[in-house]
Amino acid sequence: MLSNVSGGLTESTRFISMTGGQRLCYNNRSRITISNQWVEEAMGHAESKNAEFIPLNIAVMTISDSRTEDNDTSGQRLVDRLTGAGHRLAEKLIVPDNRYRIREVLSRWIADPEVHSVITTGGTGLTGRDITPEAVEPLFDKHIEGFGELFRQLSYPLIKTSTVQSRAIAGLANGTPIFCLPGSPGACKDGWDGIIQYQLDMRHKPCNLVEMMPRFMEQ
């Protein structure tokens, strides 16, 4: 943890290591305002043409009453893709379709400064047991509406109007991006390959979520 940094950052400050001895820092646990000078410096790195890839710690949650580690193909697909891209797996858990268990695990992750993003799979459909949006949305500080819109747009050429049954969502909770994907391996592939991998890559232009992380908790 960092302390005595410009802007009054405390030991609650989160940081992501970068190559060349640099670190992208952001105060994700306390409500201390980060100085404009520091933000400009952090954003200046993000906007440079030679922005470097920053590996994130990403947690994966499979939401299902029936999946086990032996048959969780969707969760494993996400793990394979995020680690293949150079990120690190913070933790992977299978959680039943219970909104309070889901919130319990998510709350722990978004309060952990070592977890930079969360991806869930499952529970976004229309059956009585599909309660992922209802479980997760109360934790959001901000919704990322464009994620669900774009996901359904990407899905339409593949599954046509069946895409209307997907309630894929995303949002920010305590400065942590959370992406909720459907439970099929194909949906996880499409969500990662078509959207998430780019938004969690500092090099993606014209903008990405990583470069915005220093400002998510601005007051």
Protein backbone atom coordinates (compact mmCIF):
# COMPACT_ATOMS: atom_id res chain seq x y z
CA MET A 1 0.00 0.00 0.00
CA LEU A 2 0.99 3.61 -0.48
CA SER A 3 1.08 6.53 1.91
CA ASN A 4 2.18 10.17 1.90
CA VAL A 5 1.57 10.55 -1.82
CA SER A 6 0.47 13.75 -3.55
CA GLY A 7 -3.19 14.42 -2.94
CA GLY A 8 -3.25 13.00 0.56
CA LEU A 9 -3.59 9.34 -0.38
CA THR A 10 -3.64 7.00 2.59
CA GLU A 11 -2.85 3.34 3.13
CA SER A 12 -6.22 2.53 1.59
CA THR A 13 -4.91 3.58 -1.82
CA ARG A 14 -5.07 0.89 -4.46
CA PHE A 15 -2.32 0.54 -7.03
CA ILE A 16 -1.68 -1.46 -10.17
CA SER A 17 1.95 -2.20 -10.97
CA MET A 18 3.34 -1.05 -14.27
CA THR A 19 6.56 -1.79 -16.06
CA GLY A 20 9.45 0.62 -15.83
CA GLY A 21 8.92 1.16 -12.12
CA GLN A 22 5.74 3.18 -12.65
CA ARG A 23 2.45 2.59 -10.88
CA LEU A 24 -1.05 3.67 -11.71
CA CYS A 25 -2.58 4.59 -8.34
CA TYR A 26 -6.10 5.37 -7.34
CA ASN A 27 -7.80 5.88 -4.01
CA ASN A 28 -10.55 3.27 -4.12
CA ARG A 29 -11.32 2.77 -0.45
CA SER A 30 -11.56 6.20 1.17
CA ARG A 31 -13.35 9.33 0.01
CA ILE A 32 -10.25 11.53 -0.14
CA THR A 33 -10.14 13.70 -3.25
CA ILE A 34 -7.16 13.04 -5.49
CA SER A 35 -5.35 16.19 -6.59
CA ASN A 36 -5.91 17.43 -10.13
CA GLN A 37 -2.17 17.43 -10.73
CA TRP A 38 -1.90 13.74 -9.88
CA VAL A 39 -4.91 12.83 -12.05
CA GLU A 40 -3.43 14.73 -14.99
CA GLU A 41 -0.17 12.82 -14.62
CA ALA A 42 -1.96 9.45 -14.49
CA MET A 43 -4.19 10.31 -17.43
CA GLY A 44 -1.20 11.61 -19.36
CA HIS A 45 0.33 8.14 -19.24
CA ALA A 46 -2.95 6.59 -20.36
CA GLU A 47 -3.24 8.96 -23.30
CA SER A 48 0.28 8.44 -24.54
CA LYS A 49 0.70 6.63 -27.82
CA ASN A 50 3.02 4.14 -26.14
CA ALA A 51 0.68 3.13 -23.31
CA GLU A 52 1.76 -0.19 -21.83
CA PHE A 53 -0.40 -3.17 -20.96
CA ILE A 54 -1.25 -3.31 -17.25
CA PRO A 55 -2.15 -6.77 -15.88
CA LEU A 56 -5.18 -6.63 -13.61
CA ASN A 57 -6.35 -8.99 -10.87
CA ILE A 58 -9.74 -10.23 -12.07
CA ALA A 59 -12.18 -12.35 -10.03
CA VAL A 60 -14.58 -14.78 -11.74
CA MET A 61 -17.90 -15.93 -10.30
CA THR A 62 -20.02 -18.69 -11.82
CA ILE A 63 -23.60 -18.34 -10.60
CA SER A 64 -25.31 -21.73 -10.73
CA ASP A 65 -27.05 -24.32 -8.57
CA SER A 66 -25.68 -27.20 -10.64
CA ARG A 67 -22.17 -26.36 -11.81
CA THR A 68 -19.07 -27.84 -10.22
CA GLU A 69 -15.40 -27.25 -10.91
CA ASP A 70 -15.50 -30.37 -13.07
CA ASN A 71 -18.16 -29.06 -15.46
CA ASP A 72 -17.90 -25.26 -15.15
CA THR A 73 -16.94 -24.71 -18.78
CA SER A 74 -18.13 -21.10 -18.82
CA GLY A 75 -16.16 -19.99 -15.78
CA GLN A 76 -13.10 -21.81 -17.03
CA ARG A 77 -13.42 -20.16 -20.43
CA LEU A 78 -13.27 -16.76 -18.76
CA VAL A 79 -10.25 -17.82 -16.69
CA ASP A 80 -8.46 -19.09 -19.81
CA ARG A 81 -9.16 -15.90 -21.70
CA LEU A 82 -8.21 -13.42 -19.02
CA THR A 83 -4.99 -15.24 -18.14
CA GLY A 84 -4.22 -15.71 -21.82
CA ALA A 85 -4.49 -11.95 -22.24
CA GLY A 86 -1.91 -11.41 -19.50
CA HIS A 87 -4.20 -10.66 -16.55
CA ARG A 88 -4.15 -12.53 -13.23
CA LEU A 89 -6.95 -14.57 -11.69
CA ALA A 90 -7.71 -13.05 -8.28
CA GLU A 91 -10.18 -15.78 -7.31
CA LYS A 92 -12.75 -18.07 -8.91
CA LEU A 93 -15.87 -19.25 -7.10
CA ILE A 94 -19.10 -21.08 -7.93
CA VAL A 95 -21.99 -19.46 -6.08
CA PRO A 96 -25.61 -20.75 -6.02
CA ASP A 97 -28.52 -18.75 -7.38
CA ASN A 98 -29.08 -16.95 -4.11
CA ARG A 99 -29.00 -13.17 -4.23
CA TYR A 100 -27.61 -12.81 -0.72
CA ARG A 101 -24.77 -15.27 -1.29
CA ILE A 102 -23.97 -13.47 -4.55
CA ARG A 103 -23.89 -10.10 -2.80
CA GLU A 104 -21.80 -11.52 0.04
CA VAL A 105 -19.03 -12.64 -2.31
CA LEU A 106 -19.21 -9.56 -4.53
CA SER A 107 -19.10 -7.25 -1.51
CA ARG A 108 -15.93 -8.94 -0.33
CA TRP A 109 -14.32 -8.60 -3.73
CA ILE A 110 -15.22 -4.96 -4.32
CA ALA A 111 -13.93 -4.11 -0.83
CA ASP A 112 -10.62 -5.83 -1.59
CA PRO A 113 -8.04 -3.42 -3.05
CA GLU A 114 -6.29 -6.35 -4.73
CA VAL A 115 -9.33 -7.17 -6.91
CA HIS A 116 -9.45 -4.78 -9.85
CA SER A 117 -12.44 -6.17 -11.77
CA VAL A 118 -15.09 -8.90 -11.52
CA ILE A 119 -16.76 -11.02 -14.19
CA THR A 120 -19.79 -13.19 -13.44
CA THR A 121 -21.41 -15.80 -15.64
CA GLY A 122 -24.93 -17.18 -15.28
CA GLY A 123 -28.29 -16.10 -13.94
CA THR A 124 -29.06 -13.37 -16.50
CA GLY A 125 -32.03 -15.08 -18.13
CA LEU A 126 -35.76 -14.88 -17.43
CA THR A 127 -36.53 -17.94 -15.29
CA GLY A 128 -37.44 -17.68 -11.65
CA ARG A 129 -33.93 -18.75 -10.62
CA ASP A 130 -32.22 -16.17 -12.85
CA ILE A 131 -31.60 -13.43 -10.31
CA THR A 132 -28.11 -12.12 -11.10
CA PRO A 133 -29.22 -8.61 -12.15
CA GLU A 134 -31.46 -8.32 -9.09
CA ALA A 135 -28.61 -9.48 -6.85
CA VAL A 136 -25.88 -7.31 -8.35
CA GLU A 137 -27.51 -4.03 -9.34
CA PRO A 138 -28.11 -2.81 -5.74
CA LEU A 139 -24.31 -2.79 -5.35
CA PHE A 140 -23.73 -0.56 -8.38
CA ASP A 141 -22.76 3.05 -7.88
CA LYS A 142 -23.06 3.56 -11.62
CA HIS A 143 -24.54 1.43 -14.39
CA ILE A 144 -22.62 0.91 -17.63
CA GLU A 145 -25.69 0.69 -19.85
CA GLY A 146 -23.70 0.43 -23.04
CA PHE A 147 -22.30 -2.97 -22.05
CA GLY A 148 -25.64 -4.78 -22.20
CA GLU A 149 -26.64 -2.90 -25.32
CA LEU A 150 -23.43 -3.79 -27.14
CA PHE A 151 -23.50 -7.39 -25.92
CA ARG A 152 -26.96 -7.93 -27.39
CA GLN A 153 -25.86 -6.24 -30.61
CA LEU A 154 -22.93 -8.65 -30.88
CA SER A 155 -25.19 -11.61 -30.08
CA TYR A 156 -27.88 -10.81 -32.65
CA PRO A 157 -26.00 -12.11 -35.73
CA LEU A 158 -25.40 -15.37 -33.85
CA ILE A 159 -28.72 -16.08 -32.10
CA LYS A 160 -31.07 -13.57 -33.74
CA THR A 161 -33.99 -12.39 -31.62
CA SER A 162 -33.16 -14.83 -28.81
CA THR A 163 -30.74 -12.15 -27.63
CA VAL A 164 -33.67 -10.24 -26.09
CA GLN A 165 -33.73 -12.88 -23.35
CA SER A 166 -30.25 -11.89 -22.18
CA ARG A 167 -30.05 -9.41 -19.32
CA ALA A 168 -26.28 -8.95 -19.44
CA ILE A 169 -25.31 -5.92 -17.34
CA ALA A 170 -22.25 -4.06 -16.09
CA GLY A 171 -21.52 -1.35 -13.60
CA LEU A 172 -19.10 0.20 -11.12
CA ALA A 173 -19.18 -0.72 -7.44
CA ASN A 174 -16.69 1.02 -5.15
CA GLY A 175 -14.57 1.79 -8.18
CA THR A 176 -14.55 -1.85 -9.37
CA PRO A 177 -15.92 -2.69 -12.85
CA ILE A 178 -18.32 -5.66 -12.70
CA PHE A 179 -19.46 -7.47 -15.83
CA CYS A 180 -22.37 -9.96 -15.68
CA LEU A 181 -22.54 -12.35 -18.61
CA PRO A 182 -24.98 -15.15 -19.48
CA GLY A 183 -24.12 -18.70 -18.48
CA SER A 184 -23.23 -20.25 -21.81
CA PRO A 185 -19.59 -20.71 -22.87
CA GLY A 186 -20.41 -18.97 -26.13
CA ALA A 187 -21.75 -15.92 -24.34
CA CYS A 188 -18.61 -15.75 -22.19
CA LYS A 189 -16.47 -15.97 -25.30
CA ASP A 190 -18.44 -13.25 -27.07
CA GLY A 191 -18.51 -10.97 -24.05
CA TRP A 192 -14.77 -11.24 -23.45
CA ASP A 193 -13.61 -11.27 -27.06
CA GLY A 194 -15.97 -8.54 -28.22
CA ILE A 195 -16.01 -6.10 -25.30
CA ILE A 196 -14.31 -6.86 -22.00
CA GLN A 197 -10.81 -7.64 -23.26
CA TYR A 198 -10.60 -4.22 -24.88
CA GLN A 199 -12.07 -2.24 -22.01
CA LEU A 200 -9.62 -3.86 -19.58
CA ASP A 201 -6.63 -3.08 -21.80
CA MET A 202 -4.79 0.19 -21.22
CA ARG A 203 -3.67 0.19 -24.85
CA HIS A 204 -7.18 0.26 -26.34
CA LYS A 205 -8.11 3.55 -27.97
CA PRO A 206 -9.84 5.93 -27.97
CA CYS A 207 -10.70 4.99 -24.37
CA ASN A 208 -10.82 2.13 -21.90
CA LEU A 209 -11.82 1.50 -18.30
CA VAL A 210 -8.27 1.01 -17.01
CA GLU A 211 -7.25 4.57 -17.82
CA MET A 212 -10.37 5.80 -16.03
CA MET A 213 -9.72 3.89 -12.80
CA PRO A 214 -7.89 6.81 -11.12
CA ARG A 215 -11.06 8.88 -11.47
CA PHE A 216 -13.84 6.43 -10.59
CA MET A 217 -13.96 7.60 -6.96
CA GLU A 218 -13.62 11.33 -7.59
CA GLN A 219 -15.76 13.62 -5.45
